[in-house]
């Protein structure tokens, strides 16, 4: 497909940290797709930070800026989805970067026969700036084929978790929104809902996205009280997805293994941050009962 036929909405939410936002926006300067919009959603930044961004984006008519009262990244993305007018949807985190040249090349391969494209990406880890490449082989498959294959291979989180290494057909995202009550795993939850309404998926070996990882930048860098509740709710959604495609019984052992792995992550999180032994024991006992209820739902 020729680039002139491409129509893309890029959704970029941000909160303060104008220097990171400007670095991100600078990386998109070289994108030369004629029919593209950048939906820059300011999630209640300080006015001084907002002014910096507003001043800098005046020169680029492709950027559509909207400031909202702070509601969180999921709400900001939802506003972007509501405003998106183009055929394809892309998400960019404001502290990450785009390789504009690669982006321009990759979109030439996009066609309407695929609902979701999944791409590799580059991880850049501070403070040492170590680089790691995450690669996929070129491959087309149905959603059911993907789920069955990946569950048996331990559920690759780089396929299911991120939203920024995907290109979504807008008609697929029309009725899907981010759950604004979640602060943990909201991207995965969005993708689980997406995979219920998709039929065709294509992996591309090409990559245009640089995922910048900074110390203490994720929710795992501090105690999150709702981690058990939200992990269990996400696990229930995962089970529902496999039930939807008729895979639950055939993949029962793999699902149980996946659940055990998520339970281990919750336990590790609480052991790291709950220092009082009695409180920790009480928390872990409650979690054990909660996870058991999930295991019991899986058909023997």
C-alpha atoms as a PDB file:
ATOM      1  CA  UNK A   1       0.000   0.000   0.000  1.00  0.00           C
ATOM      2  CA  UNK A   2       1.340   3.424  -0.903  1.00  0.00           C
ATOM      3  CA  UNK A   3       2.061   5.853   1.886  1.00  0.00           C
ATOM      4  CA  UNK A   4      -0.320   8.454   0.460  1.00  0.00           C
ATOM      5  CA  UNK A   5      -3.194   6.075   1.260  1.00  0.00           C
ATOM      6  CA  UNK A   6      -2.206   5.669   4.898  1.00  0.00           C
ATOM      7  CA  UNK A   7      -4.305   7.359   7.539  1.00  0.00           C
ATOM      8  CA  UNK A   8      -2.914   7.223  11.098  1.00  0.00           C
ATOM      9  CA  UNK A   9      -3.834   8.622  14.524  1.00  0.00           C
ATOM     10  CA  UNK A  10      -0.974   8.594  17.051  1.00  0.00           C
ATOM     11  CA  UNK A  11      -2.123   8.986  20.668  1.00  0.00           C
ATOM     12  CA  UNK A  12       0.444  10.481  23.061  1.00  0.00           C
ATOM     13  CA  UNK A  13      -0.648  11.114  26.671  1.00  0.00           C
ATOM     14  CA  UNK A  14       1.645  12.966  29.055  1.00  0.00           C
ATOM     15  CA  UNK A  15       1.873  14.475  32.528  1.00  0.00           C
ATOM     16  CA  UNK A  16       4.607  17.058  33.203  1.00  0.00           C
ATOM     17  CA  UNK A  17       8.197  16.069  32.308  1.00  0.00           C
ATOM     18  CA  UNK A  18       8.224  18.449  29.352  1.00  0.00           C
ATOM     19  CA  UNK A  19      11.845  17.633  28.489  1.00  0.00           C
ATOM     20  CA  UNK A  20      10.891  13.982  27.858  1.00  0.00           C
ATOM     21  CA  UNK A  21       7.797  15.009  25.889  1.00  0.00           C
ATOM     22  CA  UNK A  22       9.864  17.303  23.659  1.00  0.00           C
ATOM     23  CA  UNK A  23      12.399  14.525  23.074  1.00  0.00           C
ATOM     24  CA  UNK A  24       9.542  12.260  22.002  1.00  0.00           C
ATOM     25  CA  UNK A  25       8.026  14.923  19.727  1.00  0.00           C
ATOM     26  CA  UNK A  26      11.417  15.655  18.204  1.00  0.00           C
ATOM     27  CA  UNK A  27      11.686  11.987  17.227  1.00  0.00           C
ATOM     28  CA  UNK A  28       8.480  12.181  15.157  1.00  0.00           C
ATOM     29  CA  UNK A  29       9.588  15.219  13.149  1.00  0.00           C
ATOM     30  CA  UNK A  30      10.836  13.076  10.285  1.00  0.00           C
ATOM     31  CA  UNK A  31       7.595  11.160   9.821  1.00  0.00           C
ATOM     32  CA  UNK A  32       6.392  12.078   6.345  1.00  0.00           C
ATOM     33  CA  UNK A  33       3.012  10.326   6.154  1.00  0.00           C
ATOM     34  CA  UNK A  34       0.692  13.001   4.692  1.00  0.00           C
ATOM     35  CA  UNK A  35      -2.482  11.886   6.461  1.00  0.00           C
ATOM     36  CA  UNK A  36      -1.381  11.596  10.083  1.00  0.00           C
ATOM     37  CA  UNK A  37      -2.447  13.256  13.321  1.00  0.00           C
ATOM     38  CA  UNK A  38      -0.670  13.322  16.672  1.00  0.00           C
ATOM     39  CA  UNK A  39      -3.185  13.534  19.512  1.00  0.00           C
ATOM     40  CA  UNK A  40      -1.226  15.020  22.399  1.00  0.00           C
ATOM     41  CA  UNK A  41      -3.303  14.615  25.567  1.00  0.00           C
ATOM     42  CA  UNK A  42      -2.061  16.689  28.516  1.00  0.00           C
ATOM     43  CA  UNK A  43      -3.266  14.892  31.650  1.00  0.00           C
ATOM     44  CA  UNK A  44      -3.355  17.905  33.974  1.00  0.00           C
ATOM     45  CA  UNK A  45       0.292  18.986  33.837  1.00  0.00           C
ATOM     46  CA  UNK A  46       1.531  22.009  35.768  1.00  0.00           C
ATOM     47  CA  UNK A  47       0.782  25.143  33.762  1.00  0.00           C
ATOM     48  CA  UNK A  48       4.479  25.932  33.327  1.00  0.00           C
ATOM     49  CA  UNK A  49       5.065  22.500  31.787  1.00  0.00           C
ATOM     50  CA  UNK A  50       1.973  22.828  29.590  1.00  0.00           C
ATOM     51  CA  UNK A  51       3.123  26.237  28.340  1.00  0.00           C
ATOM     52  CA  UNK A  52       6.472  24.803  27.270  1.00  0.00           C
ATOM     53  CA  UNK A  53       4.738  22.136  25.200  1.00  0.00           C
ATOM     54  CA  UNK A  54       2.143  24.498  23.719  1.00  0.00           C
ATOM     55  CA  UNK A  55       4.883  26.879  22.643  1.00  0.00           C
ATOM     56  CA  UNK A  56       6.941  24.177  20.955  1.00  0.00           C
ATOM     57  CA  UNK A  57       4.167  22.469  19.002  1.00  0.00           C
ATOM     58  CA  UNK A  58       2.848  25.590  17.258  1.00  0.00           C
ATOM     59  CA  UNK A  59       5.058  24.880  14.255  1.00  0.00           C
ATOM     60  CA  UNK A  60       3.636  21.406  13.623  1.00  0.00           C
ATOM     61  CA  UNK A  61       0.036  21.503  12.415  1.00  0.00           C
ATOM     62  CA  UNK A  62      -0.206  17.718  12.676  1.00  0.00           C
ATOM     63  CA  UNK A  63      -0.168  17.904  16.483  1.00  0.00           C
ATOM     64  CA  UNK A  64      -3.561  18.364  18.126  1.00  0.00           C
ATOM     65  CA  UNK A  65      -3.173  19.375  21.759  1.00  0.00           C
ATOM     66  CA  UNK A  66      -5.839  18.857  24.403  1.00  0.00           C
ATOM     67  CA  UNK A  67      -5.511  19.534  28.136  1.00  0.00           C
ATOM     68  CA  UNK A  68      -7.743  17.751  30.631  1.00  0.00           C
ATOM     69  CA  UNK A  69      -8.132  17.703  34.399  1.00  0.00           C
ATOM     70  CA  UNK A  70      -5.789  15.009  35.691  1.00  0.00           C
ATOM     71  CA  UNK A  71      -7.516  11.641  35.460  1.00  0.00           C
ATOM     72  CA  UNK A  72      -4.685   9.212  34.770  1.00  0.00           C
ATOM     73  CA  UNK A  73      -3.086   7.750  31.666  1.00  0.00           C
ATOM     74  CA  UNK A  74      -5.989   5.425  30.854  1.00  0.00           C
ATOM     75  CA  UNK A  75      -8.471   8.309  30.785  1.00  0.00           C
ATOM     76  CA  UNK A  76      -6.074  10.342  28.635  1.00  0.00           C
ATOM     77  CA  UNK A  77      -5.760   7.483  26.154  1.00  0.00           C
ATOM     78  CA  UNK A  78      -9.524   7.058  26.062  1.00  0.00           C
ATOM     79  CA  UNK A  79      -9.915  10.719  25.151  1.00  0.00           C
ATOM     80  CA  UNK A  80      -7.393  10.135  22.387  1.00  0.00           C
ATOM     81  CA  UNK A  81      -9.384   7.154  21.120  1.00  0.00           C
ATOM     82  CA  UNK A  82     -12.585   9.214  21.128  1.00  0.00           C
ATOM     83  CA  UNK A  83     -10.859  11.907  19.074  1.00  0.00           C
ATOM     84  CA  UNK A  84      -9.013   9.617  16.655  1.00  0.00           C
ATOM     85  CA  UNK A  85     -10.315  10.142  13.125  1.00  0.00           C
ATOM     86  CA  UNK A  86      -7.898   8.056  11.068  1.00  0.00           C
ATOM     87  CA  UNK A  87      -7.955   4.464   9.842  1.00  0.00           C
ATOM     88  CA  UNK A  88      -5.125   3.172  12.041  1.00  0.00           C
ATOM     89  CA  UNK A  89      -4.321   3.757  15.731  1.00  0.00           C
ATOM     90  CA  UNK A  90      -0.860   3.917  17.275  1.00  0.00           C
ATOM     91  CA  UNK A  91       0.051   4.644  20.909  1.00  0.00           C
ATOM     92  CA  UNK A  92       3.272   6.378  21.938  1.00  0.00           C
ATOM     93  CA  UNK A  93       4.404   6.886  25.528  1.00  0.00           C
ATOM     94  CA  UNK A  94       5.743  10.394  25.992  1.00  0.00           C
ATOM     95  CA  UNK A  95       9.074   9.277  27.455  1.00  0.00           C
ATOM     96  CA  UNK A  96       9.809   6.967  24.506  1.00  0.00           C
ATOM     97  CA  UNK A  97      11.029   7.674  20.971  1.00  0.00           C
ATOM     98  CA  UNK A  98      10.266   6.793  17.353  1.00  0.00           C
ATOM     99  CA  UNK A  99      12.679   6.012  14.539  1.00  0.00           C
ATOM    100  CA  UNK A 100      10.949   8.139  11.901  1.00  0.00           C
ATOM    101  CA  UNK A 101      12.751   6.556   8.956  1.00  0.00           C
ATOM    102  CA  UNK A 102      11.776   3.045  10.003  1.00  0.00           C
ATOM    103  CA  UNK A 103       8.228   4.212  10.708  1.00  0.00           C
ATOM    104  CA  UNK A 104       7.903   5.650   7.210  1.00  0.00           C
ATOM    105  CA  UNK A 105       9.080   2.347   5.713  1.00  0.00           C
ATOM    106  CA  UNK A 106       6.979   0.075   7.900  1.00  0.00           C
ATOM    107  CA  UNK A 107       3.651   1.733   7.163  1.00  0.00           C
ATOM    108  CA  UNK A 108       4.079   0.877   3.482  1.00  0.00           C
ATOM    109  CA  UNK A 109       3.456  -2.756   4.421  1.00  0.00           C
ATOM    110  CA  UNK A 110       0.155  -2.091   6.217  1.00  0.00           C
ATOM    111  CA  UNK A 111      -3.074  -3.284   4.603  1.00  0.00           C
ATOM    112  CA  UNK A 112      -6.713  -3.651   5.569  1.00  0.00           C
ATOM    113  CA  UNK A 113      -6.599  -7.448   5.624  1.00  0.00           C
ATOM    114  CA  UNK A 114      -5.002  -7.389   9.097  1.00  0.00           C
ATOM    115  CA  UNK A 115      -6.665  -6.157  12.301  1.00  0.00           C
ATOM    116  CA  UNK A 116      -3.557  -5.753  14.463  1.00  0.00           C
ATOM    117  CA  UNK A 117       0.139  -5.549  13.620  1.00  0.00           C
ATOM    118  CA  UNK A 118       2.671  -6.526  16.299  1.00  0.00           C
ATOM    119  CA  UNK A 119       6.232  -5.257  15.915  1.00  0.00           C
ATOM    120  CA  UNK A 120       9.574  -5.680  17.583  1.00  0.00           C
ATOM    121  CA  UNK A 121      11.138  -2.778  19.464  1.00  0.00           C
ATOM    122  CA  UNK A 122      14.308  -1.531  21.096  1.00  0.00           C
ATOM    123  CA  UNK A 123      14.719  -1.307  24.874  1.00  0.00           C
ATOM    124  CA  UNK A 124      17.080   1.356  26.170  1.00  0.00           C
ATOM    125  CA  UNK A 125      17.827   0.998  29.880  1.00  0.00           C
ATOM    126  CA  UNK A 126      19.123   3.864  31.992  1.00  0.00           C
ATOM    127  CA  UNK A 127      21.436   4.853  33.560  1.00  0.00           C
ATOM    128  CA  UNK A 128      23.930   2.802  31.489  1.00  0.00           C
ATOM    129  CA  UNK A 129      22.024   3.146  28.208  1.00  0.00           C
ATOM    130  CA  UNK A 130      22.203  -0.587  27.577  1.00  0.00           C
ATOM    131  CA  UNK A 131      20.350  -1.583  24.415  1.00  0.00           C
ATOM    132  CA  UNK A 132      18.292  -4.733  23.964  1.00  0.00           C
ATOM    133  CA  UNK A 133      16.471  -5.706  20.789  1.00  0.00           C
ATOM    134  CA  UNK A 134      13.122  -7.495  20.959  1.00  0.00           C
ATOM    135  CA  UNK A 135      12.464  -9.176  17.627  1.00  0.00           C
ATOM    136  CA  UNK A 136       9.641 -11.092  15.998  1.00  0.00           C
ATOM    137  CA  UNK A 137       9.642 -13.091  12.794  1.00  0.00           C
ATOM    138  CA  UNK A 138       7.340 -12.065   9.967  1.00  0.00           C
ATOM    139  CA  UNK A 139       4.219 -14.154  10.420  1.00  0.00           C
ATOM    140  CA  UNK A 140       0.465 -13.962   9.905  1.00  0.00           C
ATOM    141  CA  UNK A 141      -2.001 -15.871  12.060  1.00  0.00           C
ATOM    142  CA  UNK A 142      -5.510 -15.870  13.451  1.00  0.00           C
ATOM    143  CA  UNK A 143      -6.102 -14.748  17.019  1.00  0.00           C
ATOM    144  CA  UNK A 144      -6.925 -18.321  18.039  1.00  0.00           C
ATOM    145  CA  UNK A 145      -3.694 -19.652  16.533  1.00  0.00           C
ATOM    146  CA  UNK A 146      -1.713 -16.984  18.376  1.00  0.00           C
ATOM    147  CA  UNK A 147      -3.321 -17.740  21.732  1.00  0.00           C
ATOM    148  CA  UNK A 148      -2.853 -21.472  21.457  1.00  0.00           C
ATOM    149  CA  UNK A 149       0.774 -21.149  20.385  1.00  0.00           C
ATOM    150  CA  UNK A 150       1.754 -18.522  22.948  1.00  0.00           C
ATOM    151  CA  UNK A 151       0.054 -20.156  25.909  1.00  0.00           C
ATOM    152  CA  UNK A 152       2.072 -23.305  25.280  1.00  0.00           C
ATOM    153  CA  UNK A 153       5.212 -21.154  25.145  1.00  0.00           C
ATOM    154  CA  UNK A 154       4.657 -19.362  28.461  1.00  0.00           C
ATOM    155  CA  UNK A 155       2.659 -16.357  27.251  1.00  0.00           C
ATOM    156  CA  UNK A 156       5.192 -13.895  25.802  1.00  0.00           C
ATOM    157  CA  UNK A 157       4.516 -10.639  27.640  1.00  0.00           C
ATOM    158  CA  UNK A 158       5.945  -8.549  24.797  1.00  0.00           C
ATOM    159  CA  UNK A 159       3.144  -9.836  22.588  1.00  0.00           C
ATOM    160  CA  UNK A 160       0.272  -9.338  25.002  1.00  0.00           C
ATOM    161  CA  UNK A 161       1.235  -6.529  27.397  1.00  0.00           C
ATOM    162  CA  UNK A 162       2.410  -3.432  25.481  1.00  0.00           C
ATOM    163  CA  UNK A 163       0.167  -1.247  23.365  1.00  0.00           C
ATOM    164  CA  UNK A 164       2.986   0.817  21.850  1.00  0.00           C
ATOM    165  CA  UNK A 165       4.440  -1.993  19.707  1.00  0.00           C
ATOM    166  CA  UNK A 166       1.157  -2.465  17.861  1.00  0.00           C
ATOM    167  CA  UNK A 167      -0.757  -0.852  15.013  1.00  0.00           C
ATOM    168  CA  UNK A 168      -4.510  -1.242  15.464  1.00  0.00           C
ATOM    169  CA  UNK A 169      -7.208  -0.938  12.840  1.00  0.00           C
ATOM    170  CA  UNK A 170      -9.483   1.822  14.145  1.00  0.00           C
ATOM    171  CA  UNK A 171     -12.625  -0.200  13.480  1.00  0.00           C
ATOM    172  CA  UNK A 172     -11.273  -2.790  15.946  1.00  0.00           C
ATOM    173  CA  UNK A 173     -10.729  -0.249  18.721  1.00  0.00           C
ATOM    174  CA  UNK A 174     -14.068   1.542  18.266  1.00  0.00           C
ATOM    175  CA  UNK A 175     -15.829  -0.192  21.150  1.00  0.00           C
ATOM    176  CA  UNK A 176     -12.752  -0.945  23.284  1.00  0.00           C
ATOM    177  CA  UNK A 177     -11.587   1.434  25.983  1.00  0.00           C
ATOM    178  CA  UNK A 178      -9.016   1.400  28.777  1.00  0.00           C
ATOM    179  CA  UNK A 179     -10.389   0.538  32.219  1.00  0.00           C
ATOM    180  CA  UNK A 180      -9.758   3.761  34.137  1.00  0.00           C
ATOM    181  CA  UNK A 181     -10.069   2.000  37.499  1.00  0.00           C
ATOM    182  CA  UNK A 182      -6.867   0.038  36.824  1.00  0.00           C
ATOM    183  CA  UNK A 183      -3.350   1.305  37.496  1.00  0.00           C
ATOM    184  CA  UNK A 184      -1.653  -2.070  37.076  1.00  0.00           C
ATOM    185  CA  UNK A 185      -1.901  -4.101  33.876  1.00  0.00           C
ATOM    186  CA  UNK A 186      -4.261  -1.686  32.121  1.00  0.00           C
ATOM    187  CA  UNK A 187      -2.438  -2.129  28.789  1.00  0.00           C
ATOM    188  CA  UNK A 188      -2.710  -5.917  29.002  1.00  0.00           C
ATOM    189  CA  UNK A 189      -6.393  -5.632  29.861  1.00  0.00           C
ATOM    190  CA  UNK A 190      -6.948  -3.430  26.803  1.00  0.00           C
ATOM    191  CA  UNK A 191      -5.204  -5.947  24.547  1.00  0.00           C
ATOM    192  CA  UNK A 192      -7.167  -8.867  26.001  1.00  0.00           C
ATOM    193  CA  UNK A 193     -10.358  -7.068  25.012  1.00  0.00           C
ATOM    194  CA  UNK A 194      -8.904  -6.274  21.589  1.00  0.00           C
ATOM    195  CA  UNK A 195      -8.081  -9.935  20.956  1.00  0.00           C
ATOM    196  CA  UNK A 196     -11.731 -10.835  21.503  1.00  0.00           C
ATOM    197  CA  UNK A 197     -12.772  -8.802  18.468  1.00  0.00           C
ATOM    198  CA  UNK A 198      -9.828  -9.408  16.134  1.00  0.00           C
ATOM    199  CA  UNK A 199      -9.556 -12.115  13.505  1.00  0.00           C
ATOM    200  CA  UNK A 200      -6.205 -11.519  11.844  1.00  0.00           C
ATOM    201  CA  UNK A 201      -2.827 -10.627  13.351  1.00  0.00           C
ATOM    202  CA  UNK A 202       0.480 -10.028  11.632  1.00  0.00           C
ATOM    203  CA  UNK A 203       3.956  -9.909  13.164  1.00  0.00           C
ATOM    204  CA  UNK A 204       6.609  -7.732  11.544  1.00  0.00           C
ATOM    205  CA  UNK A 205      10.334  -8.171  12.039  1.00  0.00           C
ATOM    206  CA  UNK A 206      10.812  -4.436  11.470  1.00  0.00           C
ATOM    207  CA  UNK A 207      10.793  -2.045  14.403  1.00  0.00           C
ATOM    208  CA  UNK A 208      10.400   1.702  14.860  1.00  0.00           C
ATOM    209  CA  UNK A 209       9.812   2.055  18.612  1.00  0.00           C
ATOM    210  CA  UNK A 210      12.364   2.751  21.350  1.00  0.00           C
ATOM    211  CA  UNK A 211      11.117   1.882  24.829  1.00  0.00           C
ATOM    212  CA  UNK A 212      13.092   3.899  27.378  1.00  0.00           C
ATOM    213  CA  UNK A 213      13.350   2.310  30.825  1.00  0.00           C
ATOM    214  CA  UNK A 214      14.371   4.489  33.742  1.00  0.00           C
ATOM    215  CA  UNK A 215      14.977   3.490  37.380  1.00  0.00           C
ATOM    216  CA  UNK A 216      11.840   3.801  39.536  1.00  0.00           C
ATOM    217  CA  UNK A 217       9.657   4.544  36.506  1.00  0.00           C
ATOM    218  CA  UNK A 218       7.203   1.655  36.899  1.00  0.00           C
ATOM    219  CA  UNK A 219       4.574   0.724  39.422  1.00  0.00           C
ATOM    220  CA  UNK A 220       6.799  -2.173  40.540  1.00  0.00           C
ATOM    221  CA  UNK A 221       9.234   0.357  42.024  1.00  0.00           C
ATOM    222  CA  UNK A 222       6.879   1.071  44.935  1.00  0.00           C
ATOM    223  CA  UNK A 223       4.232  -0.800  46.904  1.00  0.00           C
ATOM    224  CA  UNK A 224       0.918  -1.062  45.118  1.00  0.00           C
ATOM    225  CA  UNK A 225      -1.917  -2.065  47.492  1.00  0.00           C
ATOM    226  CA  UNK A 226      -4.288  -3.142  44.704  1.00  0.00           C
ATOM    227  CA  UNK A 227      -1.848  -5.507  43.006  1.00  0.00           C
ATOM    228  CA  UNK A 228      -3.630  -8.698  44.126  1.00  0.00           C
ATOM    229  CA  UNK A 229      -7.115  -7.498  43.198  1.00  0.00           C
ATOM    230  CA  UNK A 230      -6.112  -6.218  39.780  1.00  0.00           C
ATOM    231  CA  UNK A 231      -3.894  -9.231  39.002  1.00  0.00           C
ATOM    232  CA  UNK A 232      -6.779 -11.586  39.755  1.00  0.00           C
ATOM    233  CA  UNK A 233      -9.205  -9.557  37.646  1.00  0.00           C
ATOM    234  CA  UNK A 234      -6.770  -9.639  34.732  1.00  0.00           C
ATOM    235  CA  UNK A 235      -6.305 -13.397  35.181  1.00  0.00           C
ATOM    236  CA  UNK A 236     -10.073 -13.814  35.010  1.00  0.00           C
ATOM    237  CA  UNK A 237     -10.099 -11.854  31.748  1.00  0.00           C
ATOM    238  CA  UNK A 238      -7.334 -14.087  30.368  1.00  0.00           C
ATOM    239  CA  UNK A 239      -9.330 -17.193  31.238  1.00  0.00           C
ATOM    240  CA  UNK A 240     -12.428 -15.663  29.626  1.00  0.00           C
ATOM    241  CA  UNK A 241     -10.437 -15.032  26.449  1.00  0.00           C
ATOM    242  CA  UNK A 242      -9.311 -18.646  26.211  1.00  0.00           C
ATOM    243  CA  UNK A 243     -12.840 -19.838  26.945  1.00  0.00           C
ATOM    244  CA  UNK A 244     -14.093 -17.561  24.151  1.00  0.00           C
ATOM    245  CA  UNK A 245     -11.833 -19.341  21.663  1.00  0.00           C
ATOM    246  CA  UNK A 246     -12.544 -22.806  23.107  1.00  0.00           C
ATOM    247  CA  UNK A 247      -8.985 -23.332  24.348  1.00  0.00           C
ATOM    248  CA  UNK A 248      -9.482 -23.618  28.107  1.00  0.00           C
ATOM    249  CA  UNK A 249      -9.668 -27.419  28.417  1.00  0.00           C
ATOM    250  CA  UNK A 250      -6.928 -28.202  25.900  1.00  0.00           C
ATOM    251  CA  UNK A 251      -4.591 -25.670  27.478  1.00  0.00           C
ATOM    252  CA  UNK A 252      -5.598 -26.151  31.132  1.00  0.00           C
ATOM    253  CA  UNK A 253      -2.104 -27.033  32.388  1.00  0.00           C
ATOM    254  CA  UNK A 254      -0.593 -24.067  30.574  1.00  0.00           C
ATOM    255  CA  UNK A 255      -3.199 -21.713  32.040  1.00  0.00           C
ATOM    256  CA  UNK A 256      -2.481 -23.009  35.552  1.00  0.00           C
ATOM    257  CA  UNK A 257       1.251 -22.480  35.013  1.00  0.00           C
ATOM    258  CA  UNK A 258       0.588 -18.920  33.860  1.00  0.00           C
ATOM    259  CA  UNK A 259      -1.542 -18.268  36.955  1.00  0.00           C
ATOM    260  CA  UNK A 260       1.178 -19.652  39.222  1.00  0.00           C
ATOM    261  CA  UNK A 261       3.670 -17.256  37.623  1.00  0.00           C
ATOM    262  CA  UNK A 262       1.419 -14.244  38.217  1.00  0.00           C
ATOM    263  CA  UNK A 263       0.850 -15.346  41.827  1.00  0.00           C
ATOM    264  CA  UNK A 264       4.615 -15.554  42.320  1.00  0.00           C
ATOM    265  CA  UNK A 265       5.021 -11.985  41.084  1.00  0.00           C
ATOM    266  CA  UNK A 266       2.414 -10.756  43.567  1.00  0.00           C
ATOM    267  CA  UNK A 267       4.152 -12.622  46.401  1.00  0.00           C
ATOM    268  CA  UNK A 268       7.534 -11.195  45.427  1.00  0.00           C
ATOM    269  CA  UNK A 269       6.080  -7.688  45.298  1.00  0.00           C
ATOM    270  CA  UNK A 270       4.622  -7.944  48.786  1.00  0.00           C
ATOM    271  CA  UNK A 271       7.708  -9.574  50.269  1.00  0.00           C
ATOM    272  CA  UNK A 272       9.752  -6.692  48.929  1.00  0.00           C
ATOM    273  CA  UNK A 273       7.624  -3.906  50.407  1.00  0.00           C
ATOM    274  CA  UNK A 274       5.771  -5.291  53.440  1.00  0.00           C
ATOM    275  CA  UNK A 275       8.361  -5.361  56.198  1.00  0.00           C
ATOM    276  CA  UNK A 276       6.148  -6.306  59.127  1.00  0.00           C
ATOM    277  CA  UNK A 277       6.192 -10.170  59.343  1.00  0.00           C
ATOM    278  CA  UNK A 278       2.686 -10.469  60.792  1.00  0.00           C
ATOM    279  CA  UNK A 279       1.162  -8.165  58.182  1.00  0.00           C
ATOM    280  CA  UNK A 280       3.024  -9.999  55.408  1.00  0.00           C
ATOM    281  CA  UNK A 281       1.766 -13.386  56.612  1.00  0.00           C
ATOM    282  CA  UNK A 282      -1.815 -12.125  56.740  1.00  0.00           C
ATOM    283  CA  UNK A 283      -1.548 -10.636  53.261  1.00  0.00           C
ATOM    284  CA  UNK A 284      -0.073 -13.797  51.749  1.00  0.00           C
ATOM    285  CA  UNK A 285      -2.713 -16.005  53.369  1.00  0.00           C
ATOM    286  CA  UNK A 286      -5.483 -13.836  51.921  1.00  0.00           C
ATOM    287  CA  UNK A 287      -3.806 -13.889  48.525  1.00  0.00           C
ATOM    288  CA  UNK A 288      -3.508 -17.672  48.605  1.00  0.00           C
ATOM    289  CA  UNK A 289      -7.264 -18.016  49.143  1.00  0.00           C
ATOM    290  CA  UNK A 290      -8.008 -15.480  46.399  1.00  0.00           C
ATOM    291  CA  UNK A 291      -5.821 -17.275  43.864  1.00  0.00           C
ATOM    292  CA  UNK A 292      -7.263 -20.655  44.846  1.00  0.00           C
ATOM    293  CA  UNK A 293     -10.705 -19.388  43.871  1.00  0.00           C
ATOM    294  CA  UNK A 294      -9.320 -18.686  40.389  1.00  0.00           C
ATOM    295  CA  UNK A 295      -7.740 -22.120  40.078  1.00  0.00           C
ATOM    296  CA  UNK A 296     -11.040 -23.716  41.082  1.00  0.00           C
ATOM    297  CA  UNK A 297     -12.807 -22.016  38.179  1.00  0.00           C
ATOM    298  CA  UNK A 298     -10.684 -23.810  35.599  1.00  0.00           C
ATOM    299  CA  UNK A 299     -12.383 -26.903  34.278  1.00  0.00           C
ATOM    300  CA  UNK A 300     -10.596 -30.141  35.278  1.00  0.00           C
END
